[in-house]
């Protein structure tokens, strides 16, 4: 066992001896079900392994990137950079739409349009 694991185990044992884990909510009850009820049982283990390994589907990663770009656009103060950022977000949305279909990006597209409207209004 490595040193970090030993330190963690020691800290846990000491906390148990002090009674810090007594009377916790949910104590003695089963853990909540984390499986997706709509996921076929044959795929649950595979998806659980992917999730535990930190795998993020490309659709989700694309949405995160778009949201990050939109947030950068909101903070941008230079007008030339704002226009460039708007073009960049439009490109990412178009790319995501082509790769994953428009339905996944609708929320980001609506949010983006609102940000663009607000950013370009502030310019005048």
N, C-alpha and C. Protein backbone atom coordinates (compact mmCIF):
# COMPACT_ATOMS: atom_id res chain seq x y z
N UNK A 1 0.86 -1.19 0.00
CA UNK A 1 0.00 0.00 0.00
C UNK A 1 0.89 1.24 0.00
N UNK A 2 0.51 2.22 -0.78
CA UNK A 2 1.37 3.40 -0.85
C UNK A 2 1.11 4.33 0.33
N UNK A 3 1.95 5.30 0.48
CA UNK A 3 1.92 6.19 1.64
C UNK A 3 0.62 7.00 1.73
N UNK A 4 0.09 7.44 0.57
CA UNK A 4 -1.15 8.21 0.59
C UNK A 4 -2.33 7.37 1.05
N UNK A 5 -2.38 6.12 0.59
CA UNK A 5 -3.45 5.23 1.01
C UNK A 5 -3.37 4.95 2.50
N UNK A 6 -2.15 4.78 3.02
CA UNK A 6 -1.98 4.54 4.46
C UNK A 6 -2.41 5.75 5.27
N UNK A 7 -2.04 6.95 4.80
CA UNK A 7 -2.46 8.17 5.50
C UNK A 7 -3.98 8.32 5.49
N UNK A 8 -4.59 8.02 4.36
CA UNK A 8 -6.06 8.12 4.26
C UNK A 8 -6.72 7.12 5.19
N UNK A 9 -6.22 5.88 5.21
CA UNK A 9 -6.78 4.85 6.10
C UNK A 9 -6.64 5.26 7.56
N UNK A 10 -5.51 5.82 7.92
CA UNK A 10 -5.28 6.25 9.30
C UNK A 10 -6.25 7.38 9.68
N UNK A 11 -6.42 8.33 8.77
CA UNK A 11 -7.35 9.44 9.03
C UNK A 11 -8.78 8.93 9.18
N UNK A 12 -9.16 7.96 8.38
CA UNK A 12 -10.51 7.40 8.48
C UNK A 12 -10.69 6.67 9.80
N UNK A 13 -9.72 5.85 10.19
CA UNK A 13 -9.81 5.14 11.47
C UNK A 13 -9.91 6.11 12.65
N UNK A 14 -9.10 7.17 12.62
CA UNK A 14 -9.15 8.16 13.70
C UNK A 14 -10.50 8.86 13.76
N UNK A 15 -11.06 9.18 12.60
CA UNK A 15 -12.38 9.82 12.56
C UNK A 15 -13.45 8.86 13.08
N UNK A 16 -13.33 7.58 12.77
CA UNK A 16 -14.28 6.59 13.28
C UNK A 16 -14.19 6.51 14.80
N UNK A 17 -12.98 6.50 15.34
CA UNK A 17 -12.79 6.42 16.78
C UNK A 17 -13.37 7.64 17.49
N UNK A 18 -13.29 8.81 16.84
CA UNK A 18 -13.86 10.03 17.43
C UNK A 18 -15.37 10.08 17.27
N UNK A 19 -15.93 9.16 16.49
CA UNK A 19 -17.38 9.11 16.29
C UNK A 19 -17.91 10.07 15.24
N UNK A 20 -17.06 10.52 14.35
CA UNK A 20 -17.49 11.48 13.34
C UNK A 20 -18.40 10.88 12.29
N UNK A 21 -18.43 9.54 12.20
CA UNK A 21 -19.30 8.89 11.23
C UNK A 21 -20.60 8.39 11.86
N UNK A 22 -20.79 8.64 13.13
CA UNK A 22 -22.02 8.21 13.79
C UNK A 22 -23.17 9.14 13.39
N UNK A 23 -24.34 8.59 13.30
CA UNK A 23 -25.57 9.34 13.02
C UNK A 23 -25.54 10.09 11.69
N UNK A 24 -24.93 9.51 10.68
CA UNK A 24 -24.97 10.11 9.36
C UNK A 24 -26.31 9.80 8.70
N UNK A 25 -26.80 10.72 7.88
CA UNK A 25 -28.07 10.45 7.20
C UNK A 25 -27.89 9.30 6.22
N UNK A 26 -28.86 8.42 6.19
CA UNK A 26 -28.80 7.27 5.29
C UNK A 26 -28.00 6.11 5.82
N UNK A 27 -27.52 6.20 7.06
CA UNK A 27 -26.70 5.14 7.62
C UNK A 27 -27.51 3.85 7.73
N UNK A 28 -26.93 2.75 7.26
CA UNK A 28 -27.59 1.46 7.33
C UNK A 28 -28.56 1.21 6.20
N UNK A 29 -28.71 2.16 5.28
CA UNK A 29 -29.63 2.00 4.16
C UNK A 29 -28.82 1.69 2.90
N UNK A 30 -29.46 1.03 1.93
CA UNK A 30 -28.73 0.74 0.68
C UNK A 30 -28.40 2.02 -0.07
N UNK A 31 -27.35 1.96 -0.84
CA UNK A 31 -26.96 3.11 -1.66
C UNK A 31 -28.02 3.35 -2.73
N UNK A 32 -28.22 4.60 -3.12
CA UNK A 32 -29.23 4.87 -4.15
C UNK A 32 -28.84 4.24 -5.47
N UNK A 33 -29.83 3.84 -6.23
CA UNK A 33 -29.61 3.23 -7.55
C UNK A 33 -29.07 4.29 -8.51
N UNK A 34 -27.95 3.99 -9.15
CA UNK A 34 -27.35 4.95 -10.07
C UNK A 34 -27.52 4.55 -11.53
N UNK A 35 -28.10 3.38 -11.76
CA UNK A 35 -28.29 2.93 -13.13
C UNK A 35 -29.42 3.69 -13.79
N UNK A 36 -29.25 3.95 -15.06
CA UNK A 36 -30.30 4.56 -15.86
C UNK A 36 -31.37 3.51 -16.13
N UNK A 37 -32.61 3.76 -15.70
CA UNK A 37 -33.64 2.74 -15.89
C UNK A 37 -33.97 2.48 -17.36
N UNK A 38 -33.61 3.40 -18.24
CA UNK A 38 -33.90 3.24 -19.65
C UNK A 38 -32.74 2.57 -20.40
N UNK A 39 -31.64 2.34 -19.70
CA UNK A 39 -30.47 1.70 -20.30
C UNK A 39 -30.70 0.19 -20.32
N UNK A 40 -30.51 -0.45 -21.47
CA UNK A 40 -30.65 -1.91 -21.50
C UNK A 40 -29.66 -2.56 -20.53
N UNK A 41 -30.12 -3.57 -19.85
CA UNK A 41 -29.30 -4.22 -18.83
C UNK A 41 -27.98 -4.73 -19.40
N UNK A 42 -27.98 -5.13 -20.66
CA UNK A 42 -26.76 -5.67 -21.27
C UNK A 42 -25.69 -4.60 -21.47
N UNK A 43 -26.08 -3.31 -21.47
CA UNK A 43 -25.11 -2.23 -21.69
C UNK A 43 -24.71 -1.52 -20.40
N UNK A 44 -25.40 -1.78 -19.31
CA UNK A 44 -25.15 -1.03 -18.06
C UNK A 44 -23.72 -1.13 -17.58
N UNK A 45 -23.16 -2.32 -17.56
CA UNK A 45 -21.80 -2.50 -17.06
C UNK A 45 -20.80 -1.75 -17.93
N UNK A 46 -20.98 -1.84 -19.24
CA UNK A 46 -20.05 -1.15 -20.15
C UNK A 46 -20.10 0.36 -19.93
N UNK A 47 -21.30 0.92 -19.80
CA UNK A 47 -21.41 2.36 -19.58
C UNK A 47 -20.88 2.75 -18.22
N UNK A 48 -21.08 1.90 -17.23
CA UNK A 48 -20.55 2.19 -15.89
C UNK A 48 -19.02 2.22 -15.92
N UNK A 49 -18.42 1.29 -16.66
CA UNK A 49 -16.96 1.26 -16.76
C UNK A 49 -16.44 2.51 -17.47
N UNK A 50 -17.12 2.91 -18.55
CA UNK A 50 -16.71 4.12 -19.26
C UNK A 50 -16.82 5.34 -18.35
N UNK A 51 -17.91 5.43 -17.61
CA UNK A 51 -18.12 6.57 -16.71
C UNK A 51 -17.04 6.60 -15.62
N UNK A 52 -16.76 5.45 -15.03
CA UNK A 52 -15.74 5.38 -13.99
C UNK A 52 -14.34 5.70 -14.51
N UNK A 53 -14.11 5.44 -15.79
CA UNK A 53 -12.81 5.73 -16.39
C UNK A 53 -12.69 7.19 -16.81
N UNK A 54 -13.78 7.97 -16.64
CA UNK A 54 -13.73 9.38 -16.98
C UNK A 54 -14.05 9.68 -18.42
N UNK A 55 -14.58 8.70 -19.14
CA UNK A 55 -14.93 8.91 -20.54
C UNK A 55 -16.10 9.88 -20.64
N UNK A 56 -15.98 10.84 -21.53
CA UNK A 56 -17.05 11.79 -21.79
C UNK A 56 -17.42 11.66 -23.26
N UNK A 57 -18.70 11.41 -23.55
CA UNK A 57 -19.10 11.30 -24.96
C UNK A 57 -18.75 12.58 -25.73
N UNK A 58 -18.49 12.42 -27.03
CA UNK A 58 -18.10 13.57 -27.85
C UNK A 58 -19.19 14.63 -27.87
N UNK A 59 -20.46 14.21 -27.82
CA UNK A 59 -21.54 15.18 -27.83
C UNK A 59 -21.47 16.09 -26.60
N UNK A 60 -21.21 15.47 -25.46
CA UNK A 60 -21.12 16.24 -24.20
C UNK A 60 -19.89 17.14 -24.24
N UNK A 61 -18.77 16.62 -24.72
CA UNK A 61 -17.56 17.42 -24.81
C UNK A 61 -17.76 18.61 -25.73
N UNK A 62 -18.45 18.40 -26.85
CA UNK A 62 -18.74 19.51 -27.77
C UNK A 62 -19.58 20.57 -27.09
N UNK A 63 -20.59 20.14 -26.35
CA UNK A 63 -21.45 21.10 -25.65
C UNK A 63 -20.64 21.90 -24.63
N UNK A 64 -19.75 21.22 -23.93
CA UNK A 64 -18.91 21.93 -22.94
C UNK A 64 -18.01 22.97 -23.62
N UNK A 65 -17.43 22.60 -24.74
CA UNK A 65 -16.56 23.53 -25.47
C UNK A 65 -17.35 24.75 -25.94
N UNK A 66 -18.53 24.50 -26.49
CA UNK A 66 -19.36 25.61 -26.96
C UNK A 66 -19.74 26.52 -25.81
N UNK A 67 -20.15 25.94 -24.69
CA UNK A 67 -20.53 26.74 -23.52
C UNK A 67 -19.35 27.55 -23.03
N UNK A 68 -18.16 26.97 -23.03
CA UNK A 68 -16.97 27.69 -22.62
C UNK A 68 -16.68 28.87 -23.54
N UNK A 69 -16.81 28.65 -24.85
CA UNK A 69 -16.58 29.73 -25.81
C UNK A 69 -17.60 30.86 -25.62
N UNK A 70 -18.84 30.50 -25.36
CA UNK A 70 -19.88 31.51 -25.15
C UNK A 70 -19.58 32.32 -23.89
N UNK A 71 -19.13 31.65 -22.84
CA UNK A 71 -18.78 32.36 -21.60
C UNK A 71 -17.61 33.31 -21.84
N UNK A 72 -16.64 32.89 -22.66
CA UNK A 72 -15.52 33.78 -23.00
C UNK A 72 -16.03 34.99 -23.77
N UNK A 73 -16.98 34.78 -24.66
CA UNK A 73 -17.58 35.87 -25.43
C UNK A 73 -18.24 36.88 -24.49
N UNK A 74 -18.91 36.39 -23.48
CA UNK A 74 -19.59 37.29 -22.53
C UNK A 74 -18.59 38.18 -21.79
N UNK A 75 -17.41 37.66 -21.53
CA UNK A 75 -16.41 38.43 -20.77
C UNK A 75 -15.55 39.32 -21.65
N UNK A 76 -15.57 39.11 -22.96
CA UNK A 76 -14.70 39.86 -23.88
C UNK A 76 -15.11 41.33 -23.94
N UNK A 77 -14.12 42.22 -23.91
CA UNK A 77 -14.40 43.65 -23.96
C UNK A 77 -13.97 44.29 -25.29
N UNK A 78 -13.00 43.71 -25.97
CA UNK A 78 -12.52 44.24 -27.24
C UNK A 78 -13.51 43.87 -28.35
N UNK A 79 -14.00 44.88 -29.09
CA UNK A 79 -15.03 44.65 -30.11
C UNK A 79 -14.55 43.74 -31.24
N UNK A 80 -13.32 43.90 -31.68
CA UNK A 80 -12.79 43.06 -32.75
C UNK A 80 -12.71 41.60 -32.29
N UNK A 81 -12.27 41.41 -31.06
CA UNK A 81 -12.19 40.05 -30.53
C UNK A 81 -13.57 39.45 -30.30
N UNK A 82 -14.55 40.29 -29.96
CA UNK A 82 -15.92 39.80 -29.80
C UNK A 82 -16.42 39.22 -31.12
N UNK A 83 -16.21 39.95 -32.21
CA UNK A 83 -16.68 39.48 -33.51
C UNK A 83 -15.98 38.17 -33.90
N UNK A 84 -14.70 38.11 -33.62
CA UNK A 84 -13.95 36.87 -33.90
C UNK A 84 -14.47 35.72 -33.05
N UNK A 85 -14.78 36.00 -31.80
CA UNK A 85 -15.30 34.97 -30.89
C UNK A 85 -16.68 34.51 -31.36
N UNK A 86 -17.50 35.44 -31.83
CA UNK A 86 -18.83 35.08 -32.35
C UNK A 86 -18.68 34.12 -33.52
N UNK A 87 -17.75 34.42 -34.43
CA UNK A 87 -17.52 33.54 -35.58
C UNK A 87 -17.03 32.16 -35.13
N UNK A 88 -16.19 32.15 -34.12
CA UNK A 88 -15.65 30.89 -33.62
C UNK A 88 -16.78 30.03 -33.02
N UNK A 89 -17.66 30.66 -32.25
CA UNK A 89 -18.78 29.92 -31.66
C UNK A 89 -19.70 29.40 -32.75
N UNK A 90 -19.98 30.23 -33.77
CA UNK A 90 -20.83 29.79 -34.88
C UNK A 90 -20.22 28.58 -35.58
N UNK A 91 -18.91 28.59 -35.75
CA UNK A 91 -18.22 27.47 -36.38
C UNK A 91 -18.35 26.20 -35.53
N UNK A 92 -18.14 26.33 -34.23
CA UNK A 92 -18.25 25.18 -33.34
C UNK A 92 -19.67 24.63 -33.32
N UNK A 93 -20.67 25.51 -33.32
CA UNK A 93 -22.06 25.05 -33.33
C UNK A 93 -22.37 24.33 -34.64
N UNK A 94 -21.91 24.87 -35.75
CA UNK A 94 -22.14 24.22 -37.05
C UNK A 94 -21.46 22.86 -37.10
N UNK A 95 -20.24 22.79 -36.60
CA UNK A 95 -19.50 21.53 -36.58
C UNK A 95 -20.22 20.50 -35.71
N UNK A 96 -20.68 20.93 -34.53
CA UNK A 96 -21.39 20.02 -33.63
C UNK A 96 -22.71 19.57 -34.25
N UNK A 97 -23.39 20.48 -34.93
CA UNK A 97 -24.64 20.14 -35.59
C UNK A 97 -24.42 19.06 -36.65
N UNK A 98 -23.33 19.19 -37.40
CA UNK A 98 -23.02 18.21 -38.44
C UNK A 98 -22.64 16.86 -37.83
N UNK A 99 -21.88 16.88 -36.74
CA UNK A 99 -21.42 15.64 -36.13
C UNK A 99 -22.48 14.93 -35.32
N UNK A 100 -23.29 15.69 -34.59
CA UNK A 100 -24.17 15.09 -33.59
C UNK A 100 -25.65 15.35 -33.83
N UNK A 101 -25.99 16.18 -34.77
CA UNK A 101 -27.39 16.52 -34.99
C UNK A 101 -27.74 17.78 -34.21
N UNK A 102 -28.70 18.54 -34.71
CA UNK A 102 -29.05 19.83 -34.13
C UNK A 102 -29.72 19.76 -32.78
N UNK A 103 -30.39 18.66 -32.47
CA UNK A 103 -31.16 18.60 -31.24
C UNK A 103 -30.29 18.77 -29.99
N UNK A 104 -29.08 18.23 -30.03
CA UNK A 104 -28.22 18.31 -28.85
C UNK A 104 -27.74 19.73 -28.59
N UNK A 105 -27.69 20.56 -29.63
CA UNK A 105 -27.10 21.88 -29.48
C UNK A 105 -28.13 23.00 -29.33
N UNK A 106 -29.40 22.68 -29.34
CA UNK A 106 -30.44 23.70 -29.33
C UNK A 106 -30.31 24.65 -28.13
N UNK A 107 -30.06 24.09 -26.96
CA UNK A 107 -29.91 24.93 -25.76
C UNK A 107 -28.75 25.91 -25.91
N UNK A 108 -27.61 25.43 -26.39
CA UNK A 108 -26.45 26.30 -26.59
C UNK A 108 -26.71 27.33 -27.67
N UNK A 109 -27.41 26.94 -28.72
CA UNK A 109 -27.70 27.89 -29.80
C UNK A 109 -28.59 29.03 -29.30
N UNK A 110 -29.62 28.68 -28.53
CA UNK A 110 -30.50 29.72 -27.98
C UNK A 110 -29.74 30.66 -27.05
N UNK A 111 -28.91 30.07 -26.19
CA UNK A 111 -28.12 30.87 -25.26
C UNK A 111 -27.15 31.77 -26.03
N UNK A 112 -26.52 31.21 -27.06
CA UNK A 112 -25.57 31.96 -27.88
C UNK A 112 -26.26 33.15 -28.54
N UNK A 113 -27.45 32.94 -29.10
CA UNK A 113 -28.17 34.03 -29.77
C UNK A 113 -28.48 35.16 -28.77
N UNK A 114 -28.85 34.79 -27.56
CA UNK A 114 -29.13 35.81 -26.53
C UNK A 114 -27.87 36.59 -26.17
N UNK A 115 -26.75 35.88 -26.04
CA UNK A 115 -25.48 36.55 -25.70
C UNK A 115 -25.07 37.48 -26.84
N UNK A 116 -25.18 37.01 -28.08
CA UNK A 116 -24.80 37.84 -29.23
C UNK A 116 -25.67 39.09 -29.27
N UNK A 117 -26.96 38.93 -29.05
CA UNK A 117 -27.86 40.09 -29.05
C UNK A 117 -27.45 41.10 -27.98
N UNK A 118 -27.14 40.60 -26.79
CA UNK A 118 -26.75 41.49 -25.69
C UNK A 118 -25.40 42.14 -25.95
N UNK A 119 -24.44 41.38 -26.46
CA UNK A 119 -23.10 41.89 -26.71
C UNK A 119 -23.13 42.94 -27.81
N UNK A 120 -23.88 42.70 -28.87
CA UNK A 120 -23.92 43.66 -29.96
C UNK A 120 -24.75 44.89 -29.60
N UNK A 121 -25.73 44.76 -28.70
CA UNK A 121 -26.48 45.92 -28.23
C UNK A 121 -25.61 46.83 -27.39
N UNK A 122 -24.74 46.22 -26.58
CA UNK A 122 -23.85 47.02 -25.72
C UNK A 122 -22.84 47.81 -26.55
N UNK A 123 -22.62 47.39 -27.79
CA UNK A 123 -21.66 48.06 -28.66
C UNK A 123 -22.18 49.44 -29.09
N UNK A 124 -23.51 49.53 -29.28
CA UNK A 124 -24.09 50.78 -29.78
C UNK A 124 -24.10 51.88 -28.77
